N, C-alpha and C. Protein backbone atom coordinates (compact mmCIF):
# COMPACT_ATOMS: atom_id res chain seq x y z
N MET A 1 -35.78 61.76 124.94
CA MET A 1 -36.25 61.19 123.57
C MET A 1 -34.22 60.38 123.16
N LYS A 2 -34.30 59.25 123.04
CA LYS A 2 -32.98 58.66 122.99
C LYS A 2 -32.26 58.75 121.23
N THR A 3 -31.20 59.59 121.63
CA THR A 3 -30.72 60.07 120.12
C THR A 3 -29.65 59.74 119.34
N LEU A 4 -29.33 58.92 118.55
CA LEU A 4 -28.43 58.39 117.89
C LEU A 4 -28.02 59.86 116.72
N VAL A 5 -26.71 60.01 116.97
CA VAL A 5 -26.20 60.82 115.97
C VAL A 5 -25.49 60.09 115.05
N ILE A 6 -25.01 60.03 114.12
CA ILE A 6 -23.92 59.23 113.13
C ILE A 6 -23.77 59.60 111.94
N HIS A 7 -22.33 60.40 112.38
CA HIS A 7 -21.79 61.46 111.46
C HIS A 7 -20.44 61.00 111.55
N PRO A 8 -20.15 60.67 110.31
CA PRO A 8 -18.92 60.07 109.80
C PRO A 8 -17.25 60.89 110.35
N LYS A 9 -16.66 60.71 110.63
CA LYS A 9 -15.24 61.79 111.06
C LYS A 9 -15.12 61.65 109.69
N ASP A 10 -15.71 63.81 108.96
CA ASP A 10 -14.44 63.80 108.24
C ASP A 10 -14.08 65.31 108.30
N THR A 11 -13.62 65.69 108.62
CA THR A 11 -12.85 67.22 108.56
C THR A 11 -14.22 68.47 107.77
N SER A 12 -14.21 68.01 106.37
CA SER A 12 -15.27 68.85 105.25
C SER A 12 -16.41 69.13 105.77
N THR A 13 -16.96 67.96 106.93
CA THR A 13 -18.47 68.54 107.39
C THR A 13 -18.43 68.55 108.64
N ASP A 14 -17.04 69.01 109.62
CA ASP A 14 -16.90 68.74 110.93
C ASP A 14 -18.47 70.65 111.67
N PHE A 15 -18.40 71.25 110.71
CA PHE A 15 -19.69 72.11 110.66
C PHE A 15 -20.85 71.99 111.31
N LEU A 16 -20.89 70.61 111.22
CA LEU A 16 -22.35 69.76 110.97
C LEU A 16 -22.56 69.68 112.84
N GLN A 17 -21.64 69.55 113.34
CA GLN A 17 -21.38 68.51 114.80
C GLN A 17 -22.60 69.95 115.66
N GLY A 18 -23.11 71.62 114.92
CA GLY A 18 -23.78 72.53 115.72
C GLY A 18 -25.28 72.20 115.23
N VAL A 19 -25.73 71.13 115.26
CA VAL A 19 -26.85 70.61 114.89
C VAL A 19 -27.05 69.83 116.03
N TYR A 20 -26.36 69.07 116.51
CA TYR A 20 -26.60 68.19 117.54
C TYR A 20 -25.79 68.97 119.20
N GLU A 21 -24.51 69.43 118.79
CA GLU A 21 -23.98 69.23 119.98
C GLU A 21 -25.24 70.16 120.88
N SER A 22 -25.82 71.01 121.11
CA SER A 22 -27.00 71.59 121.81
C SER A 22 -27.48 70.35 122.95
N ILE A 23 -27.94 69.11 122.30
CA ILE A 23 -28.78 68.03 122.44
C ILE A 23 -27.95 67.97 123.84
N SER A 24 -29.46 67.78 124.71
CA SER A 24 -28.78 67.60 126.33
C SER A 24 -27.94 66.42 126.04
N ASP A 25 -28.52 64.83 125.76
CA ASP A 25 -28.23 63.73 125.51
C ASP A 25 -28.66 62.70 124.59
N TYR A 26 -27.08 62.47 123.95
CA TYR A 26 -27.44 61.67 122.54
C TYR A 26 -25.98 61.11 122.64
N THR A 27 -26.13 59.98 121.81
CA THR A 27 -24.67 58.89 121.04
C THR A 27 -24.73 59.09 119.86
N LEU A 28 -23.45 59.97 119.67
CA LEU A 28 -22.91 59.87 118.47
C LEU A 28 -21.83 58.58 118.30
N ILE A 29 -21.76 58.38 116.69
CA ILE A 29 -21.09 57.18 116.36
C ILE A 29 -20.41 58.04 115.20
N THR A 30 -18.85 57.85 114.76
CA THR A 30 -18.24 58.73 114.34
C THR A 30 -17.58 57.30 112.67
N SER A 31 -17.58 56.63 113.63
CA SER A 31 -16.65 55.56 112.66
C SER A 31 -16.95 54.01 113.51
N GLY A 32 -16.24 53.00 113.08
CA GLY A 32 -16.76 51.68 113.66
C GLY A 32 -17.31 50.34 112.39
N GLU A 33 -18.42 49.63 113.07
CA GLU A 33 -18.49 49.14 112.41
C GLU A 33 -20.44 48.91 112.21
N LYS A 34 -20.70 48.59 111.48
CA LYS A 34 -22.08 48.72 111.01
C LYS A 34 -22.56 47.93 111.57
N ALA A 35 -22.46 46.97 111.91
CA ALA A 35 -23.07 45.92 113.19
C ALA A 35 -23.53 46.74 114.28
N GLU A 36 -22.79 47.57 114.84
CA GLU A 36 -22.97 48.05 115.92
C GLU A 36 -24.09 49.25 115.42
N VAL A 37 -23.29 50.24 114.65
CA VAL A 37 -24.51 51.24 114.02
C VAL A 37 -26.16 50.84 114.01
N ILE A 38 -26.11 49.44 113.57
CA ILE A 38 -27.87 49.25 113.47
C ILE A 38 -28.18 48.47 114.72
N ARG A 39 -27.17 48.11 115.64
CA ARG A 39 -28.06 47.73 116.96
C ARG A 39 -28.69 49.11 117.46
N GLN A 40 -27.53 50.05 117.20
CA GLN A 40 -27.88 51.79 117.89
C GLN A 40 -29.19 52.02 117.39
N ILE A 41 -29.48 52.02 116.23
CA ILE A 41 -30.39 52.62 115.31
C ILE A 41 -31.71 52.17 115.66
N LYS A 42 -31.84 50.48 116.17
CA LYS A 42 -33.06 49.99 117.22
C LYS A 42 -32.70 49.94 118.21
N ASN A 43 -32.25 50.59 118.84
CA ASN A 43 -31.90 51.42 120.70
C ASN A 43 -32.48 52.79 120.83
N HIS A 44 -32.60 53.47 119.40
CA HIS A 44 -32.83 54.84 120.10
C HIS A 44 -34.41 55.66 118.94
N ASP A 45 -34.66 56.37 119.72
CA ASP A 45 -36.32 56.99 118.95
C ASP A 45 -36.03 57.97 117.77
N ARG A 46 -34.78 58.26 117.87
CA ARG A 46 -34.41 59.93 117.15
C ARG A 46 -32.90 59.06 116.73
N ILE A 47 -33.10 60.06 114.95
CA ILE A 47 -31.65 59.01 114.74
C ILE A 47 -31.50 60.72 113.06
N MET A 48 -30.39 61.16 113.74
CA MET A 48 -29.75 61.98 113.02
C MET A 48 -28.90 61.71 112.01
N MET A 49 -28.71 61.25 110.60
CA MET A 49 -27.78 61.09 110.01
C MET A 49 -27.11 62.04 109.03
N MET A 50 -25.50 62.49 109.29
CA MET A 50 -25.10 63.94 108.24
C MET A 50 -24.25 63.55 107.79
N GLY A 51 -23.12 63.90 107.15
CA GLY A 51 -22.34 63.67 106.76
C GLY A 51 -22.26 64.21 104.84
N HIS A 52 -21.07 63.44 104.46
CA HIS A 52 -21.30 63.08 103.03
C HIS A 52 -22.12 61.49 102.62
N GLY A 53 -22.77 61.70 101.34
CA GLY A 53 -23.67 60.90 101.21
C GLY A 53 -24.09 61.09 99.34
N THR A 54 -24.79 59.83 99.03
CA THR A 54 -25.80 60.05 97.74
C THR A 54 -26.94 59.61 97.97
N PRO A 55 -27.81 59.23 97.11
CA PRO A 55 -28.68 59.19 96.83
C PRO A 55 -29.10 57.95 97.21
N TRP A 56 -27.87 57.02 96.89
CA TRP A 56 -27.67 55.41 97.52
C TRP A 56 -27.55 55.26 99.05
N GLY A 57 -27.33 56.72 99.87
CA GLY A 57 -26.96 56.14 101.26
C GLY A 57 -25.86 57.01 102.27
N LEU A 58 -25.42 56.96 103.08
CA LEU A 58 -25.14 58.06 104.17
C LEU A 58 -23.58 57.70 103.41
N LEU A 59 -22.53 58.16 103.46
CA LEU A 59 -21.11 57.22 102.98
C LEU A 59 -20.63 57.69 103.94
N SER A 60 -19.68 56.67 104.44
CA SER A 60 -18.32 56.26 105.41
C SER A 60 -17.20 56.59 105.94
N VAL A 61 -16.93 57.32 104.39
CA VAL A 61 -15.79 57.80 103.98
C VAL A 61 -14.75 57.39 104.91
N GLY A 62 -14.47 56.30 104.43
CA GLY A 62 -13.59 55.54 104.83
C GLY A 62 -13.27 55.35 107.07
N GLN A 63 -14.70 55.65 106.93
CA GLN A 63 -14.68 55.53 108.88
C GLN A 63 -15.21 53.89 109.45
N PHE A 64 -15.90 53.52 108.39
CA PHE A 64 -16.94 51.92 109.07
C PHE A 64 -15.74 51.06 107.67
N ASP A 65 -16.70 50.17 108.69
CA ASP A 65 -16.24 48.53 107.50
C ASP A 65 -16.97 48.59 106.11
N CYS A 66 -17.57 49.51 105.53
CA CYS A 66 -18.70 49.69 104.34
C CYS A 66 -18.42 51.04 103.79
N VAL A 67 -18.81 50.69 103.11
CA VAL A 67 -18.58 51.80 101.97
C VAL A 67 -19.82 53.04 102.72
N TYR A 68 -21.10 52.15 102.80
CA TYR A 68 -22.61 52.93 103.30
C TYR A 68 -22.53 52.38 104.38
N ILE A 69 -22.31 53.51 105.29
CA ILE A 69 -22.63 52.92 106.20
C ILE A 69 -24.12 52.78 106.53
N LEU A 70 -24.91 53.92 105.67
CA LEU A 70 -26.50 53.72 105.76
C LEU A 70 -26.90 53.97 104.27
N ASP A 71 -27.88 52.98 103.99
CA ASP A 71 -27.81 52.12 102.83
C ASP A 71 -29.51 51.77 102.16
N ASP A 72 -29.30 50.60 101.06
CA ASP A 72 -31.36 49.75 101.29
C ASP A 72 -31.28 48.93 102.54
N SER A 73 -29.95 48.38 102.52
CA SER A 73 -30.06 47.13 104.06
C SER A 73 -30.86 48.02 105.00
N THR A 74 -30.00 49.10 105.77
CA THR A 74 -30.24 49.97 106.66
C THR A 74 -31.71 50.79 106.67
N ALA A 75 -32.53 50.83 105.66
CA ALA A 75 -33.65 52.22 105.42
C ALA A 75 -34.54 52.02 106.07
N SER A 76 -34.98 49.72 106.38
CA SER A 76 -36.89 49.82 107.01
C SER A 76 -36.41 49.88 108.65
N LEU A 77 -35.27 50.20 109.30
CA LEU A 77 -34.79 50.48 110.47
C LEU A 77 -34.49 51.80 111.08
N LEU A 78 -35.00 52.44 110.05
CA LEU A 78 -35.48 53.50 109.99
C LEU A 78 -37.40 54.06 110.07
N GLN A 79 -37.74 53.15 109.64
CA GLN A 79 -39.25 53.67 109.41
C GLN A 79 -39.80 53.53 111.07
N GLY A 80 -40.51 54.62 111.42
CA GLY A 80 -41.77 54.62 112.92
C GLY A 80 -40.41 55.64 113.37
N LYS A 81 -38.96 55.82 112.99
CA LYS A 81 -38.03 56.94 113.73
C LYS A 81 -38.42 58.34 113.59
N GLU A 82 -37.63 59.29 114.22
CA GLU A 82 -37.56 60.68 113.78
C GLU A 82 -36.24 60.90 113.60
N CYS A 83 -36.64 61.23 112.32
CA CYS A 83 -34.77 61.25 111.47
C CYS A 83 -34.68 61.79 110.50
N VAL A 84 -33.51 62.52 110.81
CA VAL A 84 -33.25 63.84 110.48
C VAL A 84 -31.29 63.36 108.97
N PHE A 85 -31.44 63.67 108.06
CA PHE A 85 -31.11 62.89 107.30
C PHE A 85 -29.92 64.53 106.36
N ILE A 86 -29.53 64.59 106.50
CA ILE A 86 -28.18 66.33 106.41
C ILE A 86 -27.29 65.44 105.41
N TRP A 87 -27.37 65.46 103.85
CA TRP A 87 -26.49 64.95 103.37
C TRP A 87 -26.79 64.61 101.85
N CYS A 88 -25.75 64.47 100.94
CA CYS A 88 -25.86 65.38 99.64
C CYS A 88 -27.29 64.56 98.94
N ASN A 89 -28.13 64.59 98.55
CA ASN A 89 -29.14 63.81 97.73
C ASN A 89 -29.74 62.82 98.59
N ALA A 90 -29.78 63.10 100.47
CA ALA A 90 -30.59 62.83 100.91
C ALA A 90 -32.16 61.79 100.43
N ASP A 91 -32.69 63.09 99.86
CA ASP A 91 -34.20 63.29 99.67
C ASP A 91 -33.96 62.24 98.95
N LYS A 92 -33.41 61.76 97.60
CA LYS A 92 -33.60 60.84 96.78
C LYS A 92 -33.73 59.34 97.60
N TYR A 93 -32.94 59.27 99.11
CA TYR A 93 -32.75 57.79 99.51
C TYR A 93 -34.12 57.95 100.21
N VAL A 94 -34.63 59.39 100.84
CA VAL A 94 -35.86 58.88 102.17
C VAL A 94 -36.88 58.66 101.01
N LEU A 95 -37.62 59.66 100.04
CA LEU A 95 -38.25 59.16 99.19
C LEU A 95 -38.82 58.06 98.49
N ARG A 96 -37.25 57.33 97.94
CA ARG A 96 -36.97 55.81 97.36
C ARG A 96 -37.61 54.46 98.77
N HIS A 97 -37.24 55.41 99.69
CA HIS A 97 -37.89 54.08 100.62
C HIS A 97 -38.89 54.73 101.49
N SER A 98 -39.34 55.51 101.20
CA SER A 98 -41.10 55.81 101.65
C SER A 98 -40.90 56.95 103.37
N LEU A 99 -39.60 57.01 103.75
CA LEU A 99 -39.17 57.61 105.06
C LEU A 99 -39.89 58.70 105.51
N LYS A 100 -39.54 58.90 106.72
CA LYS A 100 -40.51 60.45 107.12
C LYS A 100 -39.27 60.92 108.01
N GLY A 101 -39.07 62.54 107.91
CA GLY A 101 -38.34 63.07 109.08
C GLY A 101 -37.84 64.26 108.09
N LEU A 102 -36.53 64.86 108.55
CA LEU A 102 -35.95 66.75 107.87
C LEU A 102 -35.35 66.28 107.28
N PHE A 103 -35.01 66.18 105.73
CA PHE A 103 -33.87 66.28 105.08
C PHE A 103 -33.68 67.42 103.70
N SER A 104 -32.12 66.59 103.57
CA SER A 104 -32.06 67.56 102.36
C SER A 104 -31.96 67.26 101.15
N GLY A 105 -31.27 67.87 99.58
CA GLY A 105 -31.68 67.30 98.66
C GLY A 105 -29.91 67.51 98.51
N MET A 106 -29.74 67.80 97.15
CA MET A 106 -28.29 68.62 96.91
C MET A 106 -27.99 69.51 98.10
N PHE A 107 -27.23 68.71 98.54
CA PHE A 107 -26.47 70.65 99.85
C PHE A 107 -25.49 71.18 99.15
N ILE A 108 -25.09 71.93 99.25
CA ILE A 108 -23.71 73.22 98.71
C ILE A 108 -23.25 73.24 100.18
N SER A 109 -21.55 72.06 100.33
CA SER A 109 -21.29 72.34 101.67
C SER A 109 -19.78 72.94 101.11
N GLU A 110 -19.11 72.62 100.04
CA GLU A 110 -17.75 73.27 99.93
C GLU A 110 -17.64 73.97 97.99
N VAL A 111 -16.78 74.72 98.21
CA VAL A 111 -16.63 75.19 97.00
C VAL A 111 -16.96 74.39 96.06
N GLY A 112 -16.22 73.46 95.48
CA GLY A 112 -16.09 72.70 94.64
C GLY A 112 -18.08 71.98 93.90
N GLU A 113 -18.56 71.79 94.75
CA GLU A 113 -19.92 71.87 94.80
C GLU A 113 -20.80 72.84 94.41
N ALA A 114 -20.78 73.69 94.59
CA ALA A 114 -21.11 75.14 94.73
C ALA A 114 -20.54 75.11 93.25
N ILE A 115 -19.48 74.94 92.38
CA ILE A 115 -19.18 75.40 91.06
C ILE A 115 -20.17 74.29 90.04
N MET A 116 -19.95 72.42 90.93
CA MET A 116 -20.46 71.89 90.27
C MET A 116 -21.60 71.62 89.86
N MET A 117 -22.41 72.82 91.01
CA MET A 117 -23.67 72.64 90.35
C MET A 117 -24.50 74.40 89.56
N GLY A 118 -23.42 74.64 89.42
CA GLY A 118 -23.98 75.91 88.33
C GLY A 118 -23.85 77.13 89.34
N LEU A 119 -23.13 77.49 90.33
CA LEU A 119 -23.13 78.27 90.87
C LEU A 119 -21.49 79.44 90.41
N PRO A 120 -22.26 80.40 90.33
CA PRO A 120 -20.66 81.03 89.98
C PRO A 120 -19.35 80.98 91.40
N LEU A 121 -18.30 81.18 90.89
CA LEU A 121 -17.49 81.35 91.49
C LEU A 121 -17.94 81.86 92.85
N ILE A 122 -17.19 81.31 93.97
CA ILE A 122 -17.55 82.18 95.32
C ILE A 122 -16.35 82.14 96.28
N PRO A 123 -16.43 82.69 97.19
CA PRO A 123 -14.92 82.17 98.21
C PRO A 123 -15.14 81.51 99.65
N GLN A 124 -14.49 80.89 100.09
CA GLN A 124 -14.81 79.71 100.89
C GLN A 124 -15.55 79.70 101.39
N LYS A 125 -15.64 82.00 102.28
CA LYS A 125 -16.21 81.97 103.56
C LYS A 125 -17.58 82.06 103.57
N THR A 126 -18.18 82.35 101.72
CA THR A 126 -19.68 82.33 101.37
C THR A 126 -20.34 80.69 102.06
N VAL A 127 -19.54 80.02 101.61
CA VAL A 127 -19.65 78.88 102.08
C VAL A 127 -19.44 78.55 103.18
N ASP A 128 -19.09 78.87 104.57
CA ASP A 128 -18.03 78.35 105.77
C ASP A 128 -19.47 79.65 106.11
N GLU A 129 -19.92 80.86 106.27
CA GLU A 129 -21.59 81.15 106.79
C GLU A 129 -22.47 80.83 106.49
N SER A 130 -22.88 80.02 105.18
CA SER A 130 -23.76 79.32 104.93
C SER A 130 -23.47 78.21 106.07
N ASN A 131 -22.97 76.99 105.96
CA ASN A 131 -22.56 75.94 106.82
C ASN A 131 -22.83 75.67 108.24
N TYR A 132 -21.96 77.49 108.79
CA TYR A 132 -22.29 77.69 110.68
C TYR A 132 -23.34 78.17 110.66
N PHE A 133 -24.41 78.61 110.24
CA PHE A 133 -25.29 79.47 110.37
C PHE A 133 -26.59 78.58 109.93
N PHE A 134 -26.70 77.80 109.22
CA PHE A 134 -27.40 76.26 108.89
C PHE A 134 -27.38 75.35 110.24
N SER A 135 -26.10 75.10 110.47
CA SER A 135 -25.79 74.09 111.91
C SER A 135 -26.55 74.77 112.81
N LYS A 136 -26.25 76.03 113.02
CA LYS A 136 -26.99 76.81 114.76
C LYS A 136 -28.20 76.92 113.79
N VAL A 137 -28.58 76.76 113.28
CA VAL A 137 -30.33 77.74 113.47
C VAL A 137 -30.70 76.12 113.52
N LEU A 138 -30.50 74.82 112.44
CA LEU A 138 -31.07 73.27 113.18
C LEU A 138 -30.68 73.25 114.14
N GLY A 139 -29.85 73.58 114.61
CA GLY A 139 -29.29 72.93 115.65
C GLY A 139 -30.51 73.58 117.22
N GLN A 140 -30.70 75.32 117.25
CA GLN A 140 -31.26 75.43 118.02
C GLN A 140 -32.65 75.36 118.13
N GLY A 141 -33.39 74.55 117.33
CA GLY A 141 -34.72 74.07 116.67
C GLY A 141 -34.68 72.63 116.53
N ILE A 142 -33.81 71.79 116.80
CA ILE A 142 -34.07 70.38 116.81
C ILE A 142 -34.99 70.30 117.41
N GLU A 143 -34.52 70.55 119.04
CA GLU A 143 -35.33 69.64 120.60
C GLU A 143 -36.46 70.24 120.62
N ARG A 144 -37.23 70.77 119.96
CA ARG A 144 -38.42 71.47 119.38
C ARG A 144 -39.30 70.55 118.72
N GLY A 145 -38.66 69.56 118.19
CA GLY A 145 -39.31 68.76 116.60
C GLY A 145 -39.06 68.96 115.55
N LEU A 146 -39.40 68.74 115.03
CA LEU A 146 -38.80 68.58 113.51
C LEU A 146 -39.83 69.86 112.95
N TYR A 147 -40.95 69.94 113.37
CA TYR A 147 -41.64 70.53 112.68
C TYR A 147 -41.41 71.80 112.93
N HIS A 148 -40.52 72.36 114.41
CA HIS A 148 -40.74 73.71 114.73
C HIS A 148 -39.04 74.32 113.92
N ALA A 149 -38.16 73.22 114.00
CA ALA A 149 -36.88 72.71 113.49
C ALA A 149 -36.83 73.22 111.68
N TYR A 150 -37.85 73.18 111.44
CA TYR A 150 -37.64 72.74 109.75
C TYR A 150 -38.25 74.58 109.38
N HIS A 151 -39.48 75.18 110.17
CA HIS A 151 -39.98 76.15 109.99
C HIS A 151 -38.86 77.45 110.66
N MET A 152 -38.25 77.33 111.52
CA MET A 152 -37.31 77.87 111.82
C MET A 152 -35.97 77.96 110.66
N MET A 153 -35.42 76.72 110.06
CA MET A 153 -34.93 77.09 108.83
C MET A 153 -35.63 77.86 108.14
N LEU A 154 -36.18 77.57 107.71
CA LEU A 154 -37.66 78.62 106.61
C LEU A 154 -37.57 79.79 106.81
N GLY A 155 -37.74 79.88 108.09
CA GLY A 155 -37.43 81.40 108.82
C GLY A 155 -36.66 82.68 108.96
N PHE A 156 -35.34 81.70 109.83
CA PHE A 156 -33.91 82.14 110.02
C PHE A 156 -32.77 82.19 108.60
N TYR A 157 -32.84 80.84 108.08
CA TYR A 157 -31.57 80.39 107.13
C TYR A 157 -32.33 81.11 105.77
N GLU A 158 -33.87 80.86 105.85
CA GLU A 158 -34.04 82.11 104.25
C GLU A 158 -33.74 83.49 104.27
N THR A 159 -33.16 83.85 105.39
CA THR A 159 -33.01 85.46 105.96
C THR A 159 -31.11 85.67 105.46
N LEU A 160 -30.88 84.65 105.18
CA LEU A 160 -29.11 84.53 104.97
C LEU A 160 -29.24 84.04 103.94
N ALA A 161 -30.36 83.80 103.02
CA ALA A 161 -30.50 83.10 101.68
C ALA A 161 -30.74 84.55 100.49
N ASN A 162 -30.92 85.57 101.82
CA ASN A 162 -31.95 87.23 101.41
C ASN A 162 -29.59 87.29 100.39
N ARG A 163 -29.09 86.91 101.06
CA ARG A 163 -27.69 87.89 100.15
C ARG A 163 -26.76 86.78 100.65
N ASN A 164 -27.00 85.75 100.42
CA ASN A 164 -25.65 84.24 100.38
C ASN A 164 -26.11 83.33 99.50
N ILE A 165 -25.88 83.07 98.28
CA ILE A 165 -25.86 82.52 96.98
C ILE A 165 -26.22 80.69 97.34
N VAL A 166 -25.48 80.25 98.39
CA VAL A 166 -24.96 79.22 98.96
C VAL A 166 -26.75 78.79 99.88
N ALA A 167 -26.59 79.44 100.51
CA ALA A 167 -27.98 79.04 101.67
C ALA A 167 -28.88 79.40 100.61
N LYS A 168 -29.33 80.56 99.75
CA LYS A 168 -30.13 80.16 98.84
C LYS A 168 -31.18 78.77 98.43
N TYR A 169 -29.60 78.30 97.53
CA TYR A 169 -29.32 76.94 96.88
C TYR A 169 -30.33 76.12 97.83
N ASN A 170 -29.29 76.22 99.20
CA ASN A 170 -29.66 74.85 100.40
C ASN A 170 -30.63 75.07 100.80
N VAL A 171 -31.85 76.48 101.05
CA VAL A 171 -32.85 76.18 102.24
C VAL A 171 -34.10 75.66 101.24
N GLN A 172 -33.59 75.52 99.26
CA GLN A 172 -34.23 75.66 98.48
C GLN A 172 -34.61 74.01 98.04
N ARG A 173 -33.95 73.19 99.24
CA ARG A 173 -33.04 72.06 99.19
C ARG A 173 -33.37 71.49 100.81
N LEU A 174 -34.73 71.75 101.33
CA LEU A 174 -34.77 71.08 102.44
C LEU A 174 -35.89 70.70 102.59
N TYR A 175 -36.25 70.11 103.23
CA TYR A 175 -37.89 69.26 103.15
C TYR A 175 -38.39 68.39 104.08
N LEU A 176 -39.68 68.51 104.28
CA LEU A 176 -40.17 67.23 106.01
C LEU A 176 -41.11 66.46 105.13
N VAL A 177 -41.04 65.38 106.05
CA VAL A 177 -42.46 65.14 106.06
C VAL A 177 -42.37 63.93 106.62
N LEU A 178 -43.86 64.62 107.54
CA LEU A 178 -44.00 63.79 108.65
C LEU A 178 -44.94 62.98 108.55
């Protein structure tokens, strides 16, 4: 399966590299032009999209020639592909466009987001533990398919959620539509 990873370069989401770094063969796009991203989406079977985003798409965080590297204009290109959408409120984007795949709702990856979502004040190490464990477990399951990856997340990441409030919040906002 030809895998494309779209992960705009941003130190605050570097932890997400753990999701794809163990895949044997993938094309990684971290910056550039939207036209090239579109061309690459058309040429790949599995599209993994991650970083910062909103219900309207994946933000380019200043790394591309646009504000959203994935938005309403690119949604139709993702139909029929195996997709992974990991960004804040990706669920709203996925459901609005009737897409399929593994995706996140609001995803806490920073202390400020935890505060914004009403969690009690927590140390950075709690967020970091959740972030790195999330990426590690999802990365271990992804090569066996989205169904397997999702259920690994529910099993292993849920174990962390028993003692980590960020993991508890995030695991409740992880979805799979096949």
